[in-house]
């Protein structure tokens, strides 16, 4: 039971503090705030997922239920983070949702080519964003059945 307590439900990879707060407020409004861990760049995301750097004390088997990943990140972009997560047998089954402001078709195509589970463009309107976050949390945390193989 202790292993489950050290895992998180959502790993949010977001460098914009306003988008981070907006997402957290939207989740809180719908009571979806259990065990969210926020990292602010692609390198920290990889360190968290692969248990290196300051996260070396984590166990890779305690992976998040879902990763919300922005594309435009400092140090290592979200596309490269996605590539590395999906290329590793230990992490490839973790659901990854691109939650990004990018409307670029090449980002969408490349994300799906690399194995992203969903691609969501962040709405600008707060109410629309809140509804998107509610639906996102409900689906990935309550409805989706993750593989136990990871």
Protein backbone atom coordinates (compact mmCIF):
# COMPACT_ATOMS: atom_id res chain seq x y z
CA UNK A 1 0.00 0.00 0.00
CA UNK A 2 2.89 2.40 0.63
CA UNK A 3 3.88 2.31 -3.04
CA UNK A 4 0.50 3.67 -4.11
CA UNK A 5 0.80 6.52 -1.61
CA UNK A 6 4.05 7.73 -3.20
CA UNK A 7 2.64 7.87 -6.72
CA UNK A 8 0.77 10.77 -8.25
CA UNK A 9 -2.41 10.74 -10.26
CA UNK A 10 -1.38 13.55 -12.60
CA UNK A 11 2.04 14.79 -13.63
CA UNK A 12 1.54 18.25 -15.11
CA UNK A 13 4.44 19.54 -17.21
CA UNK A 14 3.78 23.27 -17.56
CA UNK A 15 6.19 26.20 -17.59
CA UNK A 16 3.58 28.97 -17.63
CA UNK A 17 2.51 29.80 -14.04
CA UNK A 18 -0.79 31.30 -15.26
CA UNK A 19 -1.71 28.13 -17.20
CA UNK A 20 -0.62 26.02 -14.23
CA UNK A 21 -2.87 27.95 -11.83
CA UNK A 22 -5.75 27.93 -14.31
CA UNK A 23 -5.50 24.15 -14.66
CA UNK A 24 -5.19 23.56 -10.91
CA UNK A 25 -8.18 25.85 -10.23
CA UNK A 26 -10.23 24.03 -12.86
CA UNK A 27 -9.36 20.66 -11.33
CA UNK A 28 -10.11 21.94 -7.81
CA UNK A 29 -13.50 23.26 -8.93
CA UNK A 30 -14.40 19.71 -9.94
CA UNK A 31 -12.68 17.98 -7.01
CA UNK A 32 -9.93 16.47 -9.19
CA UNK A 33 -6.97 17.70 -7.15
CA UNK A 34 -5.73 14.42 -5.71
CA UNK A 35 -1.99 13.94 -6.05
CA UNK A 36 -0.99 16.38 -8.76
CA UNK A 37 2.72 17.00 -9.20
CA UNK A 38 3.87 19.94 -11.32
CA UNK A 39 7.22 20.19 -13.10
CA UNK A 40 8.21 23.24 -15.11
CA UNK A 41 10.51 22.05 -17.89
CA UNK A 42 11.16 19.03 -20.07
CA UNK A 43 14.30 17.96 -18.23
CA UNK A 44 12.52 17.93 -14.87
CA UNK A 45 9.69 15.92 -16.46
CA UNK A 46 12.16 13.29 -17.69
CA UNK A 47 13.93 13.25 -14.32
CA UNK A 48 10.58 12.65 -12.62
CA UNK A 49 9.39 9.94 -14.99
CA UNK A 50 12.75 8.12 -15.15
CA UNK A 51 13.64 8.64 -11.46
CA UNK A 52 16.86 10.54 -11.96
CA UNK A 53 18.36 13.79 -10.66
CA UNK A 54 16.42 15.09 -7.69
CA UNK A 55 13.81 12.35 -8.21
CA UNK A 56 16.32 9.49 -7.95
CA UNK A 57 14.62 8.23 -4.79
CA UNK A 58 11.37 7.49 -6.67
CA UNK A 59 10.54 4.07 -8.10
CA UNK A 60 9.77 4.02 -11.82
CA UNK A 61 6.86 1.67 -11.12
CA UNK A 62 5.19 4.54 -9.20
CA UNK A 63 4.42 6.36 -12.41
CA UNK A 64 1.57 8.86 -12.75
CA UNK A 65 -1.83 7.77 -14.02
CA UNK A 66 -1.64 10.43 -16.72
CA UNK A 67 0.88 13.05 -17.88
CA UNK A 68 -0.37 16.45 -19.04
CA UNK A 69 2.39 17.70 -21.29
CA UNK A 70 2.89 21.11 -22.85
CA UNK A 71 4.84 21.26 -26.11
CA UNK A 72 6.65 24.55 -25.67
CA UNK A 73 8.91 23.92 -22.67
CA UNK A 74 12.34 25.14 -21.55
CA UNK A 75 15.41 22.87 -21.83
CA UNK A 76 13.70 19.94 -23.60
CA UNK A 77 10.47 20.44 -25.56
CA UNK A 78 7.35 18.38 -25.04
CA UNK A 79 7.74 16.47 -28.31
CA UNK A 80 11.14 15.14 -27.16
CA UNK A 81 9.76 14.32 -23.69
CA UNK A 82 6.95 12.36 -25.38
CA UNK A 83 9.44 10.60 -27.67
CA UNK A 84 11.52 9.39 -24.71
CA UNK A 85 8.54 8.30 -22.60
CA UNK A 86 7.00 6.29 -25.43
CA UNK A 87 10.36 4.78 -26.50
CA UNK A 88 10.99 3.14 -23.11
CA UNK A 89 9.30 -0.16 -22.27
CA UNK A 90 8.98 0.89 -18.62
CA UNK A 91 6.98 4.03 -19.40
CA UNK A 92 5.37 3.64 -22.82
CA UNK A 93 1.95 2.67 -21.43
CA UNK A 94 1.62 5.85 -19.32
CA UNK A 95 -1.14 7.91 -20.94
CA UNK A 96 0.21 11.24 -22.20
CA UNK A 97 -2.10 14.12 -23.06
CA UNK A 98 -0.67 17.08 -24.94
CA UNK A 99 -2.33 20.08 -23.30
CA UNK A 100 -0.90 22.89 -25.35
CA UNK A 101 -1.56 26.23 -26.97
CA UNK A 102 -0.01 24.98 -30.23
CA UNK A 103 -2.39 24.90 -33.18
CA UNK A 104 0.44 23.75 -35.46
CA UNK A 105 -0.55 20.77 -37.62
CA UNK A 106 3.03 19.44 -37.52
CA UNK A 107 2.90 19.32 -33.69
CA UNK A 108 -0.40 17.45 -33.79
CA UNK A 109 0.82 14.95 -36.41
CA UNK A 110 4.18 14.38 -34.70
CA UNK A 111 2.54 13.92 -31.30
CA UNK A 112 0.24 11.20 -32.59
CA UNK A 113 3.07 9.60 -34.58
CA UNK A 114 5.04 9.31 -31.33
CA UNK A 115 2.12 7.76 -29.44
CA UNK A 116 0.35 10.59 -27.61
CA UNK A 117 -2.99 9.45 -26.23
CA UNK A 118 -4.78 12.75 -26.75
CA UNK A 119 -4.03 16.24 -28.10
CA UNK A 120 -5.95 19.14 -26.58
CA UNK A 121 -5.49 22.79 -27.51
CA UNK A 122 -5.91 24.97 -24.43
CA UNK A 123 -9.01 27.14 -24.68
CA UNK A 124 -8.49 30.83 -23.91
CA UNK A 125 -11.89 31.28 -22.22
CA UNK A 126 -11.87 30.31 -18.51
CA UNK A 127 -15.28 28.60 -18.51
CA UNK A 128 -14.41 26.58 -21.60
CA UNK A 129 -11.02 25.70 -20.09
CA UNK A 130 -12.65 24.65 -16.80
CA UNK A 131 -15.03 22.36 -18.67
CA UNK A 132 -12.15 20.90 -20.69
CA UNK A 133 -10.16 20.23 -17.50
CA UNK A 134 -13.19 18.60 -15.85
CA UNK A 135 -13.75 16.30 -18.81
CA UNK A 136 -10.03 15.53 -19.02
CA UNK A 137 -9.80 14.63 -15.33
CA UNK A 138 -13.02 12.62 -15.35
CA UNK A 139 -11.91 10.57 -18.32
CA UNK A 140 -8.27 9.86 -17.42
CA UNK A 141 -8.73 9.46 -13.67
CA UNK A 142 -12.17 7.89 -13.37
CA UNK A 143 -13.19 6.27 -16.66
CA UNK A 144 -9.99 5.13 -18.36
CA UNK A 145 -8.63 1.70 -17.36
CA UNK A 146 -4.83 1.82 -17.44
CA UNK A 147 -2.66 -1.15 -18.25
CA UNK A 148 -0.99 -2.85 -15.29
CA UNK A 149 1.89 -3.89 -17.58
CA UNK A 150 3.91 -0.70 -17.06
